[in-house]
Amino acid sequence: GTPAVLIVDRDPVALMSMQNMLGGLRYRVFCAATSAAGFAILARQPVHIVISDHDALEDGARAAEGIRFLAGVRRLYPGAVRIVMSRVENAAALATAINKAGIHKFVSKEWDAARVRAEINEAFLRLHRNVA
């Protein structure tokens, strides 16, 4: 079937931007503004790649809510490739993300669309190789 990507970010502009970046690719793209909405989509749809903003997903929540979300995805949907997205490249935060949520990739919100698309394609190819 068509590969599916879930993007979770409370910033509607960031969601729209990521949707546009992936628009030219042959993916079904699902968007959620909260971790609860993300889990609701995952419960209904087979999703191959989950991209979550590193920073707070819920208004007023602490930073790293995205890591908690991806750690939950790792437990419930271990086959999904997990990608963390952030504005800043914080080595300590990334190390935590890798350890807690088994992050496969880091994507910077500052990257251009071509680089983001290349990372998503590479992640899907990796998933496909592991399944085959």
N, C-alpha and C. Protein backbone atom coordinates (compact mmCIF):
# COMPACT_ATOMS: atom_id res chain seq x y z
N GLY A 1 0.82 -1.20 0.00
CA GLY A 1 0.00 0.00 0.00
C GLY A 1 0.86 1.26 0.00
N THR A 2 0.20 2.38 -0.04
CA THR A 2 0.90 3.67 -0.02
C THR A 2 1.49 3.91 1.36
N PRO A 3 2.78 4.26 1.42
CA PRO A 3 3.35 4.53 2.75
C PRO A 3 2.69 5.73 3.40
N ALA A 4 2.51 5.66 4.71
CA ALA A 4 1.86 6.73 5.45
C ALA A 4 2.83 7.37 6.43
N VAL A 5 2.71 8.68 6.52
CA VAL A 5 3.54 9.48 7.43
C VAL A 5 2.60 10.24 8.36
N LEU A 6 2.93 10.22 9.65
CA LEU A 6 2.20 11.03 10.63
C LEU A 6 3.13 12.13 11.12
N ILE A 7 2.67 13.37 11.06
CA ILE A 7 3.43 14.51 11.55
C ILE A 7 2.68 15.07 12.76
N VAL A 8 3.38 15.20 13.89
CA VAL A 8 2.75 15.73 15.10
C VAL A 8 3.49 16.99 15.53
N ASP A 9 2.76 18.10 15.52
CA ASP A 9 3.35 19.39 15.88
C ASP A 9 2.19 20.31 16.23
N ARG A 10 2.31 21.03 17.35
CA ARG A 10 1.19 21.91 17.72
C ARG A 10 1.16 23.20 16.91
N ASP A 11 2.24 23.48 16.17
CA ASP A 11 2.31 24.70 15.37
C ASP A 11 1.67 24.43 14.01
N PRO A 12 0.51 25.04 13.72
CA PRO A 12 -0.17 24.77 12.45
C PRO A 12 0.66 25.18 11.22
N VAL A 13 1.49 26.20 11.37
CA VAL A 13 2.35 26.63 10.26
C VAL A 13 3.39 25.55 9.96
N ALA A 14 3.97 24.98 11.02
CA ALA A 14 4.96 23.91 10.84
C ALA A 14 4.32 22.69 10.22
N LEU A 15 3.10 22.35 10.65
CA LEU A 15 2.39 21.21 10.06
C LEU A 15 2.16 21.42 8.58
N MET A 16 1.69 22.61 8.23
CA MET A 16 1.42 22.93 6.82
C MET A 16 2.72 22.87 6.01
N SER A 17 3.77 23.40 6.57
CA SER A 17 5.07 23.41 5.90
C SER A 17 5.56 21.99 5.62
N MET A 18 5.47 21.12 6.64
CA MET A 18 5.90 19.73 6.46
C MET A 18 5.01 19.01 5.45
N GLN A 19 3.72 19.28 5.50
CA GLN A 19 2.79 18.67 4.55
C GLN A 19 3.17 19.06 3.13
N ASN A 20 3.49 20.34 2.95
CA ASN A 20 3.89 20.83 1.62
C ASN A 20 5.20 20.19 1.18
N MET A 21 6.15 20.03 2.10
CA MET A 21 7.43 19.43 1.76
C MET A 21 7.25 17.99 1.27
N LEU A 22 6.29 17.29 1.88
CA LEU A 22 6.08 15.88 1.52
C LEU A 22 5.04 15.71 0.43
N GLY A 23 4.43 16.82 0.03
CA GLY A 23 3.34 16.76 -0.93
C GLY A 23 3.70 16.13 -2.27
N GLY A 24 4.93 16.34 -2.71
CA GLY A 24 5.33 15.79 -4.01
C GLY A 24 5.69 14.33 -3.96
N LEU A 25 5.78 13.78 -2.76
CA LEU A 25 6.16 12.37 -2.61
C LEU A 25 4.89 11.51 -2.57
N ARG A 26 5.06 10.25 -2.79
CA ARG A 26 3.90 9.35 -2.81
C ARG A 26 3.60 8.83 -1.41
N TYR A 27 3.26 9.74 -0.53
CA TYR A 27 2.93 9.36 0.84
C TYR A 27 1.52 9.84 1.16
N ARG A 28 0.85 9.08 2.02
CA ARG A 28 -0.36 9.62 2.65
C ARG A 28 0.15 10.33 3.89
N VAL A 29 -0.23 11.59 4.05
CA VAL A 29 0.26 12.39 5.18
C VAL A 29 -0.88 12.68 6.14
N PHE A 30 -0.68 12.29 7.39
CA PHE A 30 -1.63 12.60 8.46
C PHE A 30 -0.99 13.61 9.38
N CYS A 31 -1.80 14.53 9.90
CA CYS A 31 -1.28 15.57 10.79
C CYS A 31 -2.06 15.57 12.10
N ALA A 32 -1.34 15.84 13.19
CA ALA A 32 -1.97 15.96 14.50
C ALA A 32 -1.29 17.08 15.26
N ALA A 33 -2.08 17.80 16.07
CA ALA A 33 -1.54 18.92 16.84
C ALA A 33 -1.17 18.52 18.26
N THR A 34 -1.63 17.34 18.70
CA THR A 34 -1.33 16.87 20.06
C THR A 34 -0.93 15.40 20.02
N SER A 35 -0.29 14.96 21.09
CA SER A 35 0.08 13.55 21.15
C SER A 35 -1.17 12.67 21.19
N ALA A 36 -2.22 13.12 21.89
CA ALA A 36 -3.46 12.33 21.96
C ALA A 36 -4.05 12.15 20.56
N ALA A 37 -4.05 13.22 19.77
CA ALA A 37 -4.57 13.12 18.40
C ALA A 37 -3.68 12.21 17.56
N GLY A 38 -2.36 12.27 17.81
CA GLY A 38 -1.43 11.40 17.10
C GLY A 38 -1.71 9.94 17.39
N PHE A 39 -1.91 9.60 18.67
CA PHE A 39 -2.21 8.21 19.03
C PHE A 39 -3.55 7.76 18.45
N ALA A 40 -4.52 8.68 18.36
CA ALA A 40 -5.82 8.33 17.78
C ALA A 40 -5.65 7.95 16.30
N ILE A 41 -4.82 8.68 15.59
CA ILE A 41 -4.56 8.36 14.17
C ILE A 41 -3.85 7.01 14.07
N LEU A 42 -2.83 6.81 14.92
CA LEU A 42 -2.08 5.55 14.89
C LEU A 42 -2.98 4.34 15.18
N ALA A 43 -4.00 4.53 16.00
CA ALA A 43 -4.91 3.43 16.34
C ALA A 43 -5.80 3.07 15.15
N ARG A 44 -6.03 4.02 14.24
CA ARG A 44 -6.93 3.79 13.10
C ARG A 44 -6.21 3.46 11.80
N GLN A 45 -4.97 3.93 11.66
CA GLN A 45 -4.27 3.85 10.37
C GLN A 45 -2.93 3.15 10.52
N PRO A 46 -2.56 2.31 9.55
CA PRO A 46 -1.18 1.83 9.56
C PRO A 46 -0.25 2.98 9.14
N VAL A 47 0.65 3.38 10.03
CA VAL A 47 1.56 4.49 9.75
C VAL A 47 2.99 3.95 9.77
N HIS A 48 3.76 4.30 8.75
CA HIS A 48 5.12 3.78 8.61
C HIS A 48 6.17 4.68 9.23
N ILE A 49 5.95 5.99 9.15
CA ILE A 49 6.93 6.96 9.66
C ILE A 49 6.20 7.97 10.54
N VAL A 50 6.71 8.18 11.74
CA VAL A 50 6.13 9.15 12.67
C VAL A 50 7.16 10.25 12.90
N ILE A 51 6.77 11.49 12.60
CA ILE A 51 7.63 12.65 12.78
C ILE A 51 7.00 13.51 13.87
N SER A 52 7.74 13.76 14.93
CA SER A 52 7.20 14.57 16.01
C SER A 52 8.13 15.72 16.34
N ASP A 53 7.53 16.87 16.62
CA ASP A 53 8.31 18.00 17.09
C ASP A 53 8.88 17.64 18.46
N HIS A 54 10.12 18.00 18.68
CA HIS A 54 10.79 17.69 19.96
C HIS A 54 10.15 18.46 21.11
N ASP A 55 9.77 19.69 20.82
CA ASP A 55 9.33 20.59 21.88
C ASP A 55 7.89 20.29 22.28
N ALA A 56 7.38 21.05 23.21
CA ALA A 56 6.06 20.77 23.77
C ALA A 56 5.01 20.65 22.69
N LEU A 57 4.19 19.60 22.79
CA LEU A 57 3.07 19.42 21.87
C LEU A 57 1.80 20.01 22.47
N GLU A 58 1.66 19.87 23.77
CA GLU A 58 0.46 20.39 24.43
C GLU A 58 0.77 21.80 24.92
N ASP A 59 -0.18 22.70 24.79
CA ASP A 59 0.04 24.06 25.29
C ASP A 59 0.35 24.01 26.77
N GLY A 60 1.41 24.69 27.15
CA GLY A 60 1.76 24.77 28.55
C GLY A 60 2.56 23.59 29.07
N ALA A 61 2.72 22.56 28.24
CA ALA A 61 3.49 21.40 28.70
C ALA A 61 4.98 21.70 28.65
N ARG A 62 5.72 20.89 29.36
CA ARG A 62 7.17 21.08 29.34
C ARG A 62 7.74 20.67 27.99
N ALA A 63 8.93 21.15 27.72
CA ALA A 63 9.62 20.72 26.50
C ALA A 63 9.82 19.21 26.58
N ALA A 64 10.08 18.62 25.46
CA ALA A 64 10.33 17.18 25.34
C ALA A 64 9.06 16.35 25.42
N GLU A 65 7.89 16.98 25.37
CA GLU A 65 6.64 16.21 25.25
C GLU A 65 6.71 15.33 24.01
N GLY A 66 7.34 15.86 22.95
CA GLY A 66 7.48 15.09 21.71
C GLY A 66 8.27 13.82 21.92
N ILE A 67 9.24 13.85 22.81
CA ILE A 67 10.04 12.65 23.10
C ILE A 67 9.18 11.63 23.83
N ARG A 68 8.37 12.11 24.78
CA ARG A 68 7.47 11.18 25.48
C ARG A 68 6.50 10.54 24.49
N PHE A 69 5.99 11.34 23.56
CA PHE A 69 5.09 10.81 22.54
C PHE A 69 5.79 9.72 21.72
N LEU A 70 7.01 10.03 21.24
CA LEU A 70 7.73 9.06 20.41
C LEU A 70 8.13 7.81 21.21
N ALA A 71 8.38 7.98 22.51
CA ALA A 71 8.67 6.81 23.35
C ALA A 71 7.43 5.91 23.43
N GLY A 72 6.25 6.53 23.51
CA GLY A 72 4.99 5.77 23.50
C GLY A 72 4.79 5.07 22.17
N VAL A 73 5.12 5.75 21.08
CA VAL A 73 5.03 5.14 19.75
C VAL A 73 5.96 3.94 19.68
N ARG A 74 7.16 4.08 20.23
CA ARG A 74 8.13 2.98 20.22
C ARG A 74 7.56 1.74 20.91
N ARG A 75 6.88 1.97 22.06
CA ARG A 75 6.29 0.85 22.80
C ARG A 75 5.13 0.20 22.05
N LEU A 76 4.23 1.04 21.51
CA LEU A 76 2.99 0.53 20.92
C LEU A 76 3.13 0.14 19.45
N TYR A 77 4.00 0.84 18.72
CA TYR A 77 4.17 0.62 17.28
C TYR A 77 5.65 0.52 16.96
N PRO A 78 6.32 -0.53 17.45
CA PRO A 78 7.78 -0.59 17.32
C PRO A 78 8.27 -0.62 15.87
N GLY A 79 7.40 -1.00 14.94
CA GLY A 79 7.81 -1.06 13.53
C GLY A 79 7.87 0.29 12.85
N ALA A 80 7.28 1.31 13.46
CA ALA A 80 7.26 2.63 12.82
C ALA A 80 8.62 3.31 12.96
N VAL A 81 9.07 3.92 11.89
CA VAL A 81 10.30 4.72 11.95
C VAL A 81 9.97 6.01 12.68
N ARG A 82 10.77 6.36 13.70
CA ARG A 82 10.50 7.55 14.50
C ARG A 82 11.53 8.63 14.20
N ILE A 83 11.03 9.80 13.86
CA ILE A 83 11.88 10.93 13.50
C ILE A 83 11.54 12.10 14.41
N VAL A 84 12.56 12.72 14.99
CA VAL A 84 12.32 13.90 15.82
C VAL A 84 12.72 15.14 15.03
N MET A 85 11.91 16.17 15.18
CA MET A 85 12.10 17.42 14.45
C MET A 85 12.33 18.52 15.48
N SER A 86 13.26 19.41 15.21
CA SER A 86 13.53 20.47 16.17
C SER A 86 14.10 21.69 15.46
N ARG A 87 13.93 22.84 16.08
CA ARG A 87 14.54 24.07 15.55
C ARG A 87 16.01 24.15 15.90
N VAL A 88 16.37 23.53 17.01
CA VAL A 88 17.76 23.64 17.48
C VAL A 88 18.41 22.27 17.53
N GLU A 89 19.68 22.22 17.21
CA GLU A 89 20.41 20.97 17.30
C GLU A 89 21.08 20.92 18.67
N ASN A 90 20.38 20.36 19.63
CA ASN A 90 20.86 20.27 21.00
C ASN A 90 21.34 18.84 21.23
N ALA A 91 22.63 18.66 21.34
CA ALA A 91 23.22 17.32 21.43
C ALA A 91 22.65 16.52 22.61
N ALA A 92 22.51 17.17 23.76
CA ALA A 92 22.00 16.47 24.96
C ALA A 92 20.56 16.03 24.74
N ALA A 93 19.75 16.92 24.17
CA ALA A 93 18.34 16.59 23.92
C ALA A 93 18.24 15.45 22.91
N LEU A 94 19.10 15.47 21.90
CA LEU A 94 19.07 14.41 20.89
C LEU A 94 19.49 13.08 21.50
N ALA A 95 20.48 13.10 22.38
CA ALA A 95 20.92 11.86 23.03
C ALA A 95 19.76 11.27 23.84
N THR A 96 19.03 12.12 24.55
CA THR A 96 17.87 11.68 25.32
C THR A 96 16.82 11.08 24.39
N ALA A 97 16.59 11.75 23.26
CA ALA A 97 15.59 11.28 22.29
C ALA A 97 15.97 9.90 21.76
N ILE A 98 17.23 9.72 21.45
CA ILE A 98 17.70 8.45 20.90
C ILE A 98 17.54 7.35 21.94
N ASN A 99 17.88 7.65 23.19
CA ASN A 99 17.81 6.64 24.25
C ASN A 99 16.37 6.31 24.65
N LYS A 100 15.54 7.33 24.83
CA LYS A 100 14.19 7.09 25.34
C LYS A 100 13.23 6.61 24.27
N ALA A 101 13.38 7.13 23.07
CA ALA A 101 12.36 6.87 22.05
C ALA A 101 12.90 6.11 20.84
N GLY A 102 14.17 5.72 20.89
CA GLY A 102 14.73 4.97 19.77
C GLY A 102 14.60 5.72 18.46
N ILE A 103 14.97 7.00 18.49
CA ILE A 103 14.83 7.85 17.31
C ILE A 103 15.74 7.34 16.20
N HIS A 104 15.19 7.27 15.00
CA HIS A 104 15.97 6.85 13.84
C HIS A 104 16.67 8.04 13.17
N LYS A 105 16.01 9.20 13.20
CA LYS A 105 16.52 10.36 12.47
C LYS A 105 16.22 11.64 13.21
N PHE A 106 17.05 12.64 12.96
CA PHE A 106 16.78 14.01 13.41
C PHE A 106 16.56 14.85 12.17
N VAL A 107 15.51 15.66 12.19
CA VAL A 107 15.24 16.59 11.08
C VAL A 107 15.17 17.99 11.67
N SER A 108 15.95 18.90 11.10
CA SER A 108 15.92 20.28 11.56
C SER A 108 14.82 21.05 10.83
N LYS A 109 14.11 21.87 11.58
CA LYS A 109 13.07 22.71 10.96
C LYS A 109 13.70 23.77 10.07
N GLU A 110 15.02 23.93 10.19
CA GLU A 110 15.71 24.94 9.37
C GLU A 110 16.14 24.37 8.02
N TRP A 111 16.05 23.05 7.85
CA TRP A 111 16.50 22.46 6.58
C TRP A 111 15.57 22.84 5.45
N ASP A 112 16.11 22.78 4.23
CA ASP A 112 15.26 23.04 3.06
C ASP A 112 14.44 21.79 2.74
N ALA A 113 13.42 22.00 1.92
CA ALA A 113 12.47 20.93 1.60
C ALA A 113 13.16 19.72 0.98
N ALA A 114 14.14 19.95 0.11
CA ALA A 114 14.81 18.83 -0.57
C ALA A 114 15.51 17.93 0.44
N ARG A 115 16.15 18.53 1.43
CA ARG A 115 16.87 17.72 2.42
C ARG A 115 15.89 16.96 3.31
N VAL A 116 14.79 17.61 3.69
CA VAL A 116 13.77 16.94 4.51
C VAL A 116 13.20 15.75 3.73
N ARG A 117 12.85 15.98 2.46
CA ARG A 117 12.29 14.90 1.63
C ARG A 117 13.29 13.74 1.51
N ALA A 118 14.57 14.06 1.33
CA ALA A 118 15.59 13.03 1.21
C ALA A 118 15.67 12.20 2.49
N GLU A 119 15.60 12.85 3.65
CA GLU A 119 15.65 12.14 4.93
C GLU A 119 14.44 11.21 5.09
N ILE A 120 13.25 11.70 4.71
CA ILE A 120 12.03 10.89 4.83
C ILE A 120 12.11 9.69 3.89
N ASN A 121 12.57 9.93 2.66
CA ASN A 121 12.72 8.83 1.69
C ASN A 121 13.68 7.78 2.22
N GLU A 122 14.80 8.25 2.77
CA GLU A 122 15.82 7.34 3.27
C GLU A 122 15.26 6.52 4.44
N ALA A 123 14.48 7.18 5.30
CA ALA A 123 13.87 6.48 6.43
C ALA A 123 12.91 5.41 5.94
N PHE A 124 12.13 5.74 4.92
CA PHE A 124 11.19 4.75 4.41
C PHE A 124 11.92 3.58 3.75
N LEU A 125 12.97 3.86 3.01
CA LEU A 125 13.76 2.79 2.38
C LEU A 125 14.35 1.86 3.44
N ARG A 126 14.82 2.46 4.52
CA ARG A 126 15.38 1.67 5.62
C ARG A 126 14.31 0.75 6.21
N LEU A 127 13.11 1.31 6.42
CA LEU A 127 12.00 0.53 6.95
C LEU A 127 11.67 -0.61 6.00
N HIS A 128 11.62 -0.31 4.71
CA HIS A 128 11.26 -1.30 3.69
C HIS A 128 12.29 -2.44 3.67
N ARG A 129 13.56 -2.08 3.79
CA ARG A 129 14.64 -3.10 3.81
C ARG A 129 14.49 -4.01 5.03
N ASN A 130 14.10 -3.41 6.17
CA ASN A 130 13.96 -4.20 7.40
C ASN A 130 12.76 -5.15 7.33
N VAL A 131 11.72 -4.73 6.60
CA VAL A 131 10.51 -5.54 6.49
C VAL A 131 10.72 -6.66 5.48
N ALA A 132 11.43 -6.36 4.40
CA ALA A 132 11.60 -7.32 3.30
C ALA A 132 12.41 -8.53 3.73
